[in-house]
Amino acid sequence: MKKFVLALALLISFGCTSVPDNFVFNGNSSKSIQSDINTLLKKLPRNKKQEFLMALLAIQFSDVNSVYDMIDDPAMSGMNYDILSKKLDGLTYGEVIELAATSKTQVEVITN
């Protein structure tokens, strides 16, 4: 019985943390892309969540040429779903990661 419960728990956890290869982002609106991003974040393991969020930031800021483009622009103070809806529409998770890798904007986490 214990083995069955353990096996069931493992199957459920693997099922919850996988991203289907055919998952496609719907960029019809900022609300739809926000919903898709939140859905995906719930399914990703912790290390992949961080990678995905950094990819989203790299994509969002890929058109920024200088810090002056960001100063006093409320759209750049956080996650901008309007920008992301245009850039992610029709892409899969893997394509989002690839797009971020080709962005001139690179994002990294620095810890002390």
PDB file of N, CA and C in Angstrom:
ATOM      1  N   MET A   1       0.825  -1.192   0.000  1.00  0.00           N
ATOM      2  CA  MET A   1       0.000   0.000   0.000  1.00  0.00           C
ATOM      3  C   MET A   1       0.871   1.258   0.000  1.00  0.00           C
ATOM      4  N   LYS A   2       1.943   1.250   0.806  1.00  0.00           N
ATOM      5  CA  LYS A   2       2.827   2.417   0.857  1.00  0.00           C
ATOM      6  C   LYS A   2       3.487   2.655  -0.498  1.00  0.00           C
ATOM      7  N   LYS A   3       3.869   1.564  -1.172  1.00  0.00           N
ATOM      8  CA  LYS A   3       4.493   1.698  -2.486  1.00  0.00           C
ATOM      9  C   LYS A   3       3.511   2.292  -3.494  1.00  0.00           C
ATOM     10  N   PHE A   4       2.252   1.877  -3.392  1.00  0.00           N
ATOM     11  CA  PHE A   4       1.231   2.390  -4.295  1.00  0.00           C
ATOM     12  C   PHE A   4       1.028   3.889  -4.092  1.00  0.00           C
ATOM     13  N   VAL A   5       0.944   4.315  -2.844  1.00  0.00           N
ATOM     14  CA  VAL A   5       0.744   5.728  -2.530  1.00  0.00           C
ATOM     15  C   VAL A   5       1.942   6.545  -3.007  1.00  0.00           C
ATOM     16  N   LEU A   6       3.153   6.028  -2.794  1.00  0.00           N
ATOM     17  CA  LEU A   6       4.360   6.715  -3.235  1.00  0.00           C
ATOM     18  C   LEU A   6       4.392   6.819  -4.762  1.00  0.00           C
ATOM     19  N   ALA A   7       4.070   5.733  -5.435  1.00  0.00           N
ATOM     20  CA  ALA A   7       4.056   5.743  -6.899  1.00  0.00           C
ATOM     21  C   ALA A   7       3.011   6.724  -7.426  1.00  0.00           C
ATOM     22  N   LEU A   8       1.847   6.744  -6.808  1.00  0.00           N
ATOM     23  CA  LEU A   8       0.790   7.666  -7.211  1.00  0.00           C
ATOM     24  C   LEU A   8       1.221   9.116  -6.990  1.00  0.00           C
ATOM     25  N   ALA A   9       1.844   9.385  -5.869  1.00  0.00           N
ATOM     26  CA  ALA A   9       2.322  10.743  -5.581  1.00  0.00           C
ATOM     27  C   ALA A   9       3.367  11.186  -6.597  1.00  0.00           C
ATOM     28  N   LEU A  10       4.263  10.285  -6.970  1.00  0.00           N
ATOM     29  CA  LEU A  10       5.284  10.616  -7.967  1.00  0.00           C
ATOM     30  C   LEU A  10       4.659  10.896  -9.328  1.00  0.00           C
ATOM     31  N   LEU A  11       3.700  10.074  -9.718  1.00  0.00           N
ATOM     32  CA  LEU A  11       3.030  10.292 -11.003  1.00  0.00           C
ATOM     33  C   LEU A  11       2.301  11.631 -11.036  1.00  0.00           C
ATOM     34  N   ILE A  12       1.637  11.955  -9.957  1.00  0.00           N
ATOM     35  CA  ILE A  12       0.918  13.226  -9.889  1.00  0.00           C
ATOM     36  C   ILE A  12       1.892  14.391  -9.939  1.00  0.00           C
ATOM     37  N   SER A  13       2.989  14.287  -9.197  1.00  0.00           N
ATOM     38  CA  SER A  13       3.948  15.397  -9.179  1.00  0.00           C
ATOM     39  C   SER A  13       4.621  15.576 -10.532  1.00  0.00           C
ATOM     40  N   PHE A  14       4.930  14.480 -11.220  1.00  0.00           N
ATOM     41  CA  PHE A  14       5.523  14.607 -12.552  1.00  0.00           C
ATOM     42  C   PHE A  14       4.513  15.199 -13.529  1.00  0.00           C
ATOM     43  N   GLY A  15       3.279  14.812 -13.406  1.00  0.00           N
ATOM     44  CA  GLY A  15       2.242  15.337 -14.282  1.00  0.00           C
ATOM     45  C   GLY A  15       2.000  16.819 -14.069  1.00  0.00           C
ATOM     46  N   CYS A  16       2.139  17.285 -12.840  1.00  0.00           N
ATOM     47  CA  CYS A  16       1.907  18.692 -12.540  1.00  0.00           C
ATOM     48  C   CYS A  16       3.075  19.578 -12.942  1.00  0.00           C
ATOM     49  N   THR A  17       4.256  19.011 -13.054  1.00  0.00           N
ATOM     50  CA  THR A  17       5.420  19.848 -13.324  1.00  0.00           C
ATOM     51  C   THR A  17       5.867  19.795 -14.775  1.00  0.00           C
ATOM     52  N   SER A  18       5.125  19.131 -15.610  1.00  0.00           N
ATOM     53  CA  SER A  18       5.551  19.059 -17.005  1.00  0.00           C
ATOM     54  C   SER A  18       4.764  20.060 -17.842  1.00  0.00           C
ATOM     55  N   VAL A  19       5.417  20.556 -18.850  1.00  0.00           N
ATOM     56  CA  VAL A  19       4.785  21.488 -19.773  1.00  0.00           C
ATOM     57  C   VAL A  19       4.540  20.739 -21.071  1.00  0.00           C
ATOM     58  N   PRO A  20       3.297  20.666 -21.508  1.00  0.00           N
ATOM     59  CA  PRO A  20       3.022  19.965 -22.758  1.00  0.00           C
ATOM     60  C   PRO A  20       3.755  20.623 -23.927  1.00  0.00           C
ATOM     61  N   ASP A  21       4.300  19.809 -24.812  1.00  0.00           N
ATOM     62  CA  ASP A  21       5.020  20.330 -25.976  1.00  0.00           C
ATOM     63  C   ASP A  21       4.112  21.150 -26.889  1.00  0.00           C
ATOM     64  N   ASN A  22       2.822  20.876 -26.825  1.00  0.00           N
ATOM     65  CA  ASN A  22       1.895  21.565 -27.720  1.00  0.00           C
ATOM     66  C   ASN A  22       1.233  22.784 -27.072  1.00  0.00           C
ATOM     67  N   PHE A  23       1.685  23.187 -25.871  1.00  0.00           N
ATOM     68  CA  PHE A  23       1.139  24.375 -25.207  1.00  0.00           C
ATOM     69  C   PHE A  23       1.564  25.607 -26.003  1.00  0.00           C
ATOM     70  N   VAL A  24       0.590  26.388 -26.462  1.00  0.00           N
ATOM     71  CA  VAL A  24       0.859  27.577 -27.274  1.00  0.00           C
ATOM     72  C   VAL A  24       0.276  28.794 -26.558  1.00  0.00           C
ATOM     73  N   PHE A  25       1.071  29.847 -26.479  1.00  0.00           N
ATOM     74  CA  PHE A  25       0.624  31.069 -25.820  1.00  0.00           C
ATOM     75  C   PHE A  25      -0.395  31.803 -26.679  1.00  0.00           C
ATOM     76  N   ASN A  26      -1.458  32.272 -26.013  1.00  0.00           N
ATOM     77  CA  ASN A  26      -2.519  33.026 -26.663  1.00  0.00           C
ATOM     78  C   ASN A  26      -2.288  34.507 -26.375  1.00  0.00           C
ATOM     79  N   GLY A  27      -1.820  35.238 -27.367  1.00  0.00           N
ATOM     80  CA  GLY A  27      -1.532  36.653 -27.195  1.00  0.00           C
ATOM     81  C   GLY A  27      -2.624  37.564 -27.710  1.00  0.00           C
ATOM     82  N   ASN A  28      -3.866  37.088 -27.733  1.00  0.00           N
ATOM     83  CA  ASN A  28      -4.970  37.926 -28.212  1.00  0.00           C
ATOM     84  C   ASN A  28      -5.187  39.158 -27.345  1.00  0.00           C
ATOM     85  N   SER A  29      -4.824  39.058 -26.068  1.00  0.00           N
ATOM     86  CA  SER A  29      -4.977  40.189 -25.158  1.00  0.00           C
ATOM     87  C   SER A  29      -3.974  40.055 -24.021  1.00  0.00           C
ATOM     88  N   SER A  30      -3.823  41.133 -23.271  1.00  0.00           N
ATOM     89  CA  SER A  30      -2.914  41.078 -22.126  1.00  0.00           C
ATOM     90  C   SER A  30      -3.442  40.109 -21.071  1.00  0.00           C
ATOM     91  N   LYS A  31      -4.762  40.028 -20.944  1.00  0.00           N
ATOM     92  CA  LYS A  31      -5.347  39.105 -19.962  1.00  0.00           C
ATOM     93  C   LYS A  31      -5.114  37.648 -20.358  1.00  0.00           C
ATOM     94  N   SER A  32      -5.232  37.341 -21.636  1.00  0.00           N
ATOM     95  CA  SER A  32      -5.041  35.953 -22.071  1.00  0.00           C
ATOM     96  C   SER A  32      -3.585  35.526 -21.907  1.00  0.00           C
ATOM     97  N   ILE A  33      -2.641  36.417 -22.208  1.00  0.00           N
ATOM     98  CA  ILE A  33      -1.230  36.045 -22.054  1.00  0.00           C
ATOM     99  C   ILE A  33      -0.879  35.938 -20.577  1.00  0.00           C
ATOM    100  N   GLN A  34      -1.449  36.809 -19.751  1.00  0.00           N
ATOM    101  CA  GLN A  34      -1.210  36.730 -18.313  1.00  0.00           C
ATOM    102  C   GLN A  34      -1.737  35.409 -17.762  1.00  0.00           C
ATOM    103  N   SER A  35      -2.900  35.003 -18.206  1.00  0.00           N
ATOM    104  CA  SER A  35      -3.472  33.731 -17.774  1.00  0.00           C
ATOM    105  C   SER A  35      -2.594  32.558 -18.200  1.00  0.00           C
ATOM    106  N   ASP A  36      -2.119  32.585 -19.449  1.00  0.00           N
ATOM    107  CA  ASP A  36      -1.252  31.510 -19.936  1.00  0.00           C
ATOM    108  C   ASP A  36       0.066  31.461 -19.163  1.00  0.00           C
ATOM    109  N   ILE A  37       0.639  32.625 -18.891  1.00  0.00           N
ATOM    110  CA  ILE A  37       1.895  32.674 -18.136  1.00  0.00           C
ATOM    111  C   ILE A  37       1.691  32.113 -16.737  1.00  0.00           C
ATOM    112  N   ASN A  38       0.604  32.517 -16.077  1.00  0.00           N
ATOM    113  CA  ASN A  38       0.329  32.014 -14.729  1.00  0.00           C
ATOM    114  C   ASN A  38       0.075  30.512 -14.724  1.00  0.00           C
ATOM    115  N   THR A  39      -0.638  30.024 -15.725  1.00  0.00           N
ATOM    116  CA  THR A  39      -0.886  28.581 -15.841  1.00  0.00           C
ATOM    117  C   THR A  39       0.424  27.831 -15.992  1.00  0.00           C
ATOM    118  N   LEU A  40       1.286  28.339 -16.845  1.00  0.00           N
ATOM    119  CA  LEU A  40       2.571  27.693 -17.080  1.00  0.00           C
ATOM    120  C   LEU A  40       3.444  27.734 -15.831  1.00  0.00           C
ATOM    121  N   LEU A  41       3.448  28.860 -15.134  1.00  0.00           N
ATOM    122  CA  LEU A  41       4.264  28.977 -13.920  1.00  0.00           C
ATOM    123  C   LEU A  41       3.842  27.962 -12.855  1.00  0.00           C
ATOM    124  N   LYS A  42       2.562  27.651 -12.808  1.00  0.00           N
ATOM    125  CA  LYS A  42       2.072  26.664 -11.840  1.00  0.00           C
ATOM    126  C   LYS A  42       2.575  25.263 -12.168  1.00  0.00           C
ATOM    127  N   LYS A  43       2.860  25.000 -13.440  1.00  0.00           N
ATOM    128  CA  LYS A  43       3.276  23.663 -13.862  1.00  0.00           C
ATOM    129  C   LYS A  43       4.784  23.460 -13.844  1.00  0.00           C
ATOM    130  N   LEU A  44       5.536  24.546 -13.821  1.00  0.00           N
ATOM    131  CA  LEU A  44       6.991  24.429 -13.910  1.00  0.00           C
ATOM    132  C   LEU A  44       7.633  24.154 -12.554  1.00  0.00           C
ATOM    133  N   PRO A  45       8.709  23.365 -12.539  1.00  0.00           N
ATOM    134  CA  PRO A  45       9.474  23.209 -11.301  1.00  0.00           C
ATOM    135  C   PRO A  45      10.188  24.523 -10.984  1.00  0.00           C
ATOM    136  N   ARG A  46      10.622  24.661  -9.766  1.00  0.00           N
ATOM    137  CA  ARG A  46      11.184  25.919  -9.259  1.00  0.00           C
ATOM    138  C   ARG A  46      12.302  26.478 -10.150  1.00  0.00           C
ATOM    139  N   ASN A  47      13.263  25.646 -10.517  1.00  0.00           N
ATOM    140  CA  ASN A  47      14.392  26.144 -11.317  1.00  0.00           C
ATOM    141  C   ASN A  47      13.947  26.592 -12.709  1.00  0.00           C
ATOM    142  N   LYS A  48      12.943  25.948 -13.264  1.00  0.00           N
ATOM    143  CA  LYS A  48      12.432  26.333 -14.581  1.00  0.00           C
ATOM    144  C   LYS A  48      11.592  27.608 -14.500  1.00  0.00           C
ATOM    145  N   LYS A  49      10.932  27.831 -13.349  1.00  0.00           N
ATOM    146  CA  LYS A  49      10.170  29.066 -13.163  1.00  0.00           C
ATOM    147  C   LYS A  49      11.092  30.267 -13.272  1.00  0.00           C
ATOM    148  N   GLN A  50      12.219  30.188 -12.592  1.00  0.00           N
ATOM    149  CA  GLN A  50      13.178  31.287 -12.618  1.00  0.00           C
ATOM    150  C   GLN A  50      13.694  31.515 -14.039  1.00  0.00           C
ATOM    151  N   GLU A  51      14.039  30.453 -14.725  1.00  0.00           N
ATOM    152  CA  GLU A  51      14.519  30.561 -16.104  1.00  0.00           C
ATOM    153  C   GLU A  51      13.447  31.195 -16.999  1.00  0.00           C
ATOM    154  N   PHE A  52      12.206  30.778 -16.825  1.00  0.00           N
ATOM    155  CA  PHE A  52      11.105  31.284 -17.636  1.00  0.00           C
ATOM    156  C   PHE A  52      10.851  32.765 -17.361  1.00  0.00           C
ATOM    157  N   LEU A  53      10.839  33.162 -16.085  1.00  0.00           N
ATOM    158  CA  LEU A  53      10.617  34.566 -15.743  1.00  0.00           C
ATOM    159  C   LEU A  53      11.735  35.454 -16.277  1.00  0.00           C
ATOM    160  N   MET A  54      12.962  34.971 -16.208  1.00  0.00           N
ATOM    161  CA  MET A  54      14.083  35.730 -16.757  1.00  0.00           C
ATOM    162  C   MET A  54      13.953  35.841 -18.277  1.00  0.00           C
ATOM    163  N   ALA A  55      13.470  34.790 -18.914  1.00  0.00           N
ATOM    164  CA  ALA A  55      13.246  34.826 -20.362  1.00  0.00           C
ATOM    165  C   ALA A  55      12.178  35.864 -20.714  1.00  0.00           C
ATOM    166  N   LEU A  56      11.107  35.918 -19.922  1.00  0.00           N
ATOM    167  CA  LEU A  56      10.054  36.900 -20.171  1.00  0.00           C
ATOM    168  C   LEU A  56      10.588  38.324 -20.061  1.00  0.00           C
ATOM    169  N   LEU A  57      11.420  38.573 -19.055  1.00  0.00           N
ATOM    170  CA  LEU A  57      12.003  39.908 -18.899  1.00  0.00           C
ATOM    171  C   LEU A  57      12.926  40.250 -20.064  1.00  0.00           C
ATOM    172  N   ALA A  58      13.735  39.297 -20.488  1.00  0.00           N
ATOM    173  CA  ALA A  58      14.633  39.534 -21.623  1.00  0.00           C
ATOM    174  C   ALA A  58      13.836  39.867 -22.876  1.00  0.00           C
ATOM    175  N   ILE A  59      12.733  39.182 -23.081  1.00  0.00           N
ATOM    176  CA  ILE A  59      11.889  39.435 -24.255  1.00  0.00           C
ATOM    177  C   ILE A  59      11.202  40.793 -24.132  1.00  0.00           C
ATOM    178  N   GLN A  60      10.672  41.085 -22.957  1.00  0.00           N
ATOM    179  CA  GLN A  60       9.982  42.359 -22.746  1.00  0.00           C
ATOM    180  C   GLN A  60      10.916  43.539 -22.997  1.00  0.00           C
ATOM    181  N   PHE A  61      12.142  43.441 -22.522  1.00  0.00           N
ATOM    182  CA  PHE A  61      13.081  44.558 -22.632  1.00  0.00           C
ATOM    183  C   PHE A  61      13.975  44.476 -23.870  1.00  0.00           C
ATOM    184  N   SER A  62      13.679  43.579 -24.791  1.00  0.00           N
ATOM    185  CA  SER A  62      14.547  43.395 -25.961  1.00  0.00           C
ATOM    186  C   SER A  62      14.588  44.611 -26.883  1.00  0.00           C
ATOM    187  N   ASP A  63      13.574  45.448 -26.847  1.00  0.00           N
ATOM    188  CA  ASP A  63      13.551  46.637 -27.701  1.00  0.00           C
ATOM    189  C   ASP A  63      14.107  47.881 -27.011  1.00  0.00           C
ATOM    190  N   VAL A  64      14.518  47.744 -25.765  1.00  0.00           N
ATOM    191  CA  VAL A  64      15.062  48.879 -25.016  1.00  0.00           C
ATOM    192  C   VAL A  64      16.502  49.108 -25.452  1.00  0.00           C
ATOM    193  N   ASN A  65      16.802  50.337 -25.830  1.00  0.00           N
ATOM    194  CA  ASN A  65      18.152  50.666 -26.290  1.00  0.00           C
ATOM    195  C   ASN A  65      19.004  51.336 -25.226  1.00  0.00           C
ATOM    196  N   SER A  66      18.365  51.989 -24.275  1.00  0.00           N
ATOM    197  CA  SER A  66      19.126  52.620 -23.202  1.00  0.00           C
ATOM    198  C   SER A  66      18.258  52.727 -21.963  1.00  0.00           C
ATOM    199  N   VAL A  67      18.889  53.056 -20.871  1.00  0.00           N
ATOM    200  CA  VAL A  67      18.164  53.201 -19.613  1.00  0.00           C
ATOM    201  C   VAL A  67      17.139  54.328 -19.716  1.00  0.00           C
ATOM    202  N   TYR A  68      17.388  55.284 -20.590  1.00  0.00           N
ATOM    203  CA  TYR A  68      16.460  56.405 -20.756  1.00  0.00           C
ATOM    204  C   TYR A  68      15.122  55.959 -21.338  1.00  0.00           C
ATOM    205  N   ASP A  69      15.115  54.845 -22.035  1.00  0.00           N
ATOM    206  CA  ASP A  69      13.857  54.296 -22.549  1.00  0.00           C
ATOM    207  C   ASP A  69      12.965  53.790 -21.418  1.00  0.00           C
ATOM    208  N   MET A  70      13.560  53.526 -20.275  1.00  0.00           N
ATOM    209  CA  MET A  70      12.827  52.933 -19.162  1.00  0.00           C
ATOM    210  C   MET A  70      12.455  53.949 -18.081  1.00  0.00           C
ATOM    211  N   ILE A  71      13.230  55.020 -17.975  1.00  0.00           N
ATOM    212  CA  ILE A  71      13.000  55.996 -16.911  1.00  0.00           C
ATOM    213  C   ILE A  71      11.629  56.637 -17.084  1.00  0.00           C
ATOM    214  N   ASP A  72      10.905  56.680 -16.006  1.00  0.00           N
ATOM    215  CA  ASP A  72       9.572  57.295 -15.960  1.00  0.00           C
ATOM    216  C   ASP A  72       8.565  56.660 -16.909  1.00  0.00           C
ATOM    217  N   ASP A  73       8.817  55.451 -17.346  1.00  0.00           N
ATOM    218  CA  ASP A  73       7.856  54.736 -18.184  1.00  0.00           C
ATOM    219  C   ASP A  73       7.180  53.675 -17.324  1.00  0.00           C
ATOM    220  N   PRO A  74       5.949  53.923 -16.891  1.00  0.00           N
ATOM    221  CA  PRO A  74       5.280  52.961 -16.006  1.00  0.00           C
ATOM    222  C   PRO A  74       5.121  51.577 -16.631  1.00  0.00           C
ATOM    223  N   ALA A  75       5.116  51.505 -17.954  1.00  0.00           N
ATOM    224  CA  ALA A  75       4.980  50.210 -18.629  1.00  0.00           C
ATOM    225  C   ALA A  75       6.202  49.331 -18.407  1.00  0.00           C
ATOM    226  N   MET A  76       7.316  49.939 -18.030  1.00  0.00           N
ATOM    227  CA  MET A  76       8.552  49.186 -17.847  1.00  0.00           C
ATOM    228  C   MET A  76       8.884  48.926 -16.378  1.00  0.00           C
ATOM    229  N   SER A  77       7.965  49.238 -15.487  1.00  0.00           N
ATOM    230  CA  SER A  77       8.247  49.071 -14.061  1.00  0.00           C
ATOM    231  C   SER A  77       8.002  47.650 -13.565  1.00  0.00           C
ATOM    232  N   GLY A  78       7.434  46.822 -14.365  1.00  0.00           N
ATOM    233  CA  GLY A  78       7.167  45.435 -13.987  1.00  0.00           C
ATOM    234  C   GLY A  78       6.866  44.624 -15.230  1.00  0.00           C
ATOM    235  N   MET A  79       6.222  43.495 -15.035  1.00  0.00           N
ATOM    236  CA  MET A  79       5.854  42.642 -16.156  1.00  0.00           C
ATOM    237  C   MET A  79       4.785  43.358 -16.981  1.00  0.00           C
ATOM    238  N   ASN A  80       5.050  43.566 -18.257  1.00  0.00           N
ATOM    239  CA  ASN A  80       4.120  44.263 -19.136  1.00  0.00           C
ATOM    240  C   ASN A  80       3.470  43.238 -20.068  1.00  0.00           C
ATOM    241  N   TYR A  81       2.233  42.887 -19.747  1.00  0.00           N
ATOM    242  CA  TYR A  81       1.536  41.846 -20.495  1.00  0.00           C
ATOM    243  C   TYR A  81       1.101  42.312 -21.882  1.00  0.00           C
ATOM    244  N   ASP A  82       0.961  43.621 -22.083  1.00  0.00           N
ATOM    245  CA  ASP A  82       0.638  44.114 -23.427  1.00  0.00           C
ATOM    246  C   ASP A  82       1.794  43.832 -24.387  1.00  0.00           C
ATOM    247  N   ILE A  83       3.007  44.141 -23.944  1.00  0.00           N
ATOM    248  CA  ILE A  83       4.190  43.871 -24.770  1.00  0.00           C
ATOM    249  C   ILE A  83       4.343  42.372 -24.991  1.00  0.00           C
ATOM    250  N   LEU A  84       4.225  41.613 -23.900  1.00  0.00           N
ATOM    251  CA  LEU A  84       4.412  40.160 -23.996  1.00  0.00           C
ATOM    252  C   LEU A  84       3.351  39.502 -24.870  1.00  0.00           C
ATOM    253  N   SER A  85       2.129  40.024 -24.849  1.00  0.00           N
ATOM    254  CA  SER A  85       1.074  39.412 -25.673  1.00  0.00           C
ATOM    255  C   SER A  85       1.427  39.499 -27.155  1.00  0.00           C
ATOM    256  N   LYS A  86       2.062  40.592 -27.551  1.00  0.00           N
ATOM    257  CA  LYS A  86       2.450  40.756 -28.959  1.00  0.00           C
ATOM    258  C   LYS A  86       3.639  39.879 -29.326  1.00  0.00           C
ATOM    259  N   LYS A  87       4.558  39.707 -28.394  1.00  0.00           N
ATOM    260  CA  LYS A  87       5.792  38.984 -28.702  1.00  0.00           C
ATOM    261  C   LYS A  87       5.684  37.469 -28.518  1.00  0.00           C
ATOM    262  N   LEU A  88       4.739  37.027 -27.683  1.00  0.00           N
ATOM    263  CA  LEU A  88       4.641  35.594 -27.384  1.00  0.00           C
ATOM    264  C   LEU A  88       3.503  34.891 -28.112  1.00  0.00           C
ATOM    265  N   ASP A  89       2.639  35.634 -28.768  1.00  0.00           N
ATOM    266  CA  ASP A  89       1.470  35.035 -29.408  1.00  0.00           C
ATOM    267  C   ASP A  89       1.873  33.929 -30.381  1.00  0.00           C
ATOM    268  N   GLY A  90       1.336  32.745 -30.152  1.00  0.00           N
ATOM    269  CA  GLY A  90       1.577  31.606 -31.034  1.00  0.00           C
ATOM    270  C   GLY A  90       2.844  30.821 -30.743  1.00  0.00           C
ATOM    271  N   LEU A  91       3.623  31.253 -29.753  1.00  0.00           N
ATOM    272  CA  LEU A  91       4.864  30.547 -29.424  1.00  0.00           C
ATOM    273  C   LEU A  91       4.622  29.455 -28.388  1.00  0.00           C
ATOM    274  N   THR A  92       5.483  28.458 -28.397  1.00  0.00           N
ATOM    275  CA  THR A  92       5.479  27.422 -27.365  1.00  0.00           C
ATOM    276  C   THR A  92       6.481  27.814 -26.283  1.00  0.00           C
ATOM    277  N   TYR A  93       6.493  27.076 -25.182  1.00  0.00           N
ATOM    278  CA  TYR A  93       7.443  27.324 -24.094  1.00  0.00           C
ATOM    279  C   TYR A  93       8.878  27.285 -24.620  1.00  0.00           C
ATOM    280  N   GLY A  94       9.207  26.270 -25.390  1.00  0.00           N
ATOM    281  CA  GLY A  94      10.558  26.133 -25.928  1.00  0.00           C
ATOM    282  C   GLY A  94      10.937  27.297 -26.831  1.00  0.00           C
ATOM    283  N   GLU A  95       9.982  27.757 -27.626  1.00  0.00           N
ATOM    284  CA  GLU A  95      10.248  28.893 -28.512  1.00  0.00           C
ATOM    285  C   GLU A  95      10.461  30.183 -27.728  1.00  0.00           C
ATOM    286  N   VAL A  96       9.772  30.321 -26.604  1.00  0.00           N
ATOM    287  CA  VAL A  96       9.970  31.494 -25.744  1.00  0.00           C
ATOM    288  C   VAL A  96      11.390  31.494 -25.184  1.00  0.00           C
ATOM    289  N   ILE A  97      11.852  30.343 -24.719  1.00  0.00           N
ATOM    290  CA  ILE A  97      13.214  30.232 -24.186  1.00  0.00           C
ATOM    291  C   ILE A  97      14.232  30.531 -25.289  1.00  0.00           C
ATOM    292  N   GLU A  98      13.999  30.026 -26.488  1.00  0.00           N
ATOM    293  CA  GLU A  98      14.901  30.290 -27.624  1.00  0.00           C
ATOM    294  C   GLU A  98      14.911  31.771 -27.998  1.00  0.00           C
ATOM    295  N   LEU A  99      13.739  32.395 -28.020  1.00  0.00           N
ATOM    296  CA  LEU A  99      13.644  33.818 -28.348  1.00  0.00           C
ATOM    297  C   LEU A  99      14.420  34.655 -27.337  1.00  0.00           C
ATOM    298  N   ALA A 100      14.300  34.320 -26.075  1.00  0.00           N
ATOM    299  CA  ALA A 100      15.029  35.052 -25.032  1.00  0.00           C
ATOM    300  C   ALA A 100      16.533  34.886 -25.195  1.00  0.00           C
ATOM    301  N   ALA A 101      16.959  33.714 -25.612  1.00  0.00           N
ATOM    302  CA  ALA A 101      18.393  33.455 -25.787  1.00  0.00           C
ATOM    303  C   ALA A 101      18.977  34.294 -26.921  1.00  0.00           C
ATOM    304  N   THR A 102      18.161  34.646 -27.902  1.00  0.00           N
ATOM    305  CA  THR A 102      18.647  35.455 -29.021  1.00  0.00           C
ATOM    306  C   THR A 102      18.497  36.954 -28.772  1.00  0.00           C
ATOM    307  N   SER A 103      17.863  37.316 -27.664  1.00  0.00           N
ATOM    308  CA  SER A 103      17.655  38.727 -27.349  1.00  0.00           C
ATOM    309  C   SER A 103      18.974  39.395 -26.982  1.00  0.00           C
ATOM    310  N   LYS A 104      19.117  40.658 -27.391  1.00  0.00           N
ATOM    311  CA  LYS A 104      20.318  41.402 -27.005  1.00  0.00           C
ATOM    312  C   LYS A 104      20.287  41.750 -25.518  1.00  0.00           C
ATOM    313  N   THR A 105      19.110  41.691 -24.912  1.00  0.00           N
ATOM    314  CA  THR A 105      18.966  41.929 -23.483  1.00  0.00           C
ATOM    315  C   THR A 105      19.164  40.616 -22.750  1.00  0.00           C
ATOM    316  N   GLN A 106      20.123  40.574 -21.875  1.00  0.00           N
ATOM    317  CA  GLN A 106      20.385  39.373 -21.089  1.00  0.00           C
ATOM    318  C   GLN A 106      20.032  39.643 -19.631  1.00  0.00           C
ATOM    319  N   VAL A 107      19.372  38.699 -19.004  1.00  0.00           N
ATOM    320  CA  VAL A 107      18.933  38.827 -17.621  1.00  0.00           C
ATOM    321  C   VAL A 107      19.641  37.768 -16.804  1.00  0.00           C
ATOM    322  N   GLU A 108      20.122  38.161 -15.637  1.00  0.00           N
ATOM    323  CA  GLU A 108      20.738  37.188 -14.744  1.00  0.00           C
ATOM    324  C   GLU A 108      20.384  37.527 -13.310  1.00  0.00           C
ATOM    325  N   VAL A 109      20.434  36.531 -12.461  1.00  0.00           N
ATOM    326  CA  VAL A 109      20.170  36.709 -11.043  1.00  0.00           C
ATOM    327  C   VAL A 109      21.505  36.740 -10.324  1.00  0.00           C
ATOM    328  N   ILE A 110      21.710  37.786  -9.547  1.00  0.00           N
ATOM    329  CA  ILE A 110      22.944  37.915  -8.777  1.00  0.00           C
ATOM    330  C   ILE A 110      22.580  37.827  -7.305  1.00  0.00           C
ATOM    331  N   THR A 111      23.217  36.916  -6.610  1.00  0.00           N
ATOM    332  CA  THR A 111      22.983  36.772  -5.174  1.00  0.00           C
ATOM    333  C   THR A 111      24.265  37.088  -4.426  1.00  0.00           C
ATOM    334  N   ASN A 112      24.108  37.596  -3.243  1.00  0.00           N
ATOM    335  CA  ASN A 112      25.285  37.928  -2.419  1.00  0.00           C
ATOM    336  C   ASN A 112      25.635  36.798  -1.500  1.00  0.00           C
TER     337      ASN A 112
END
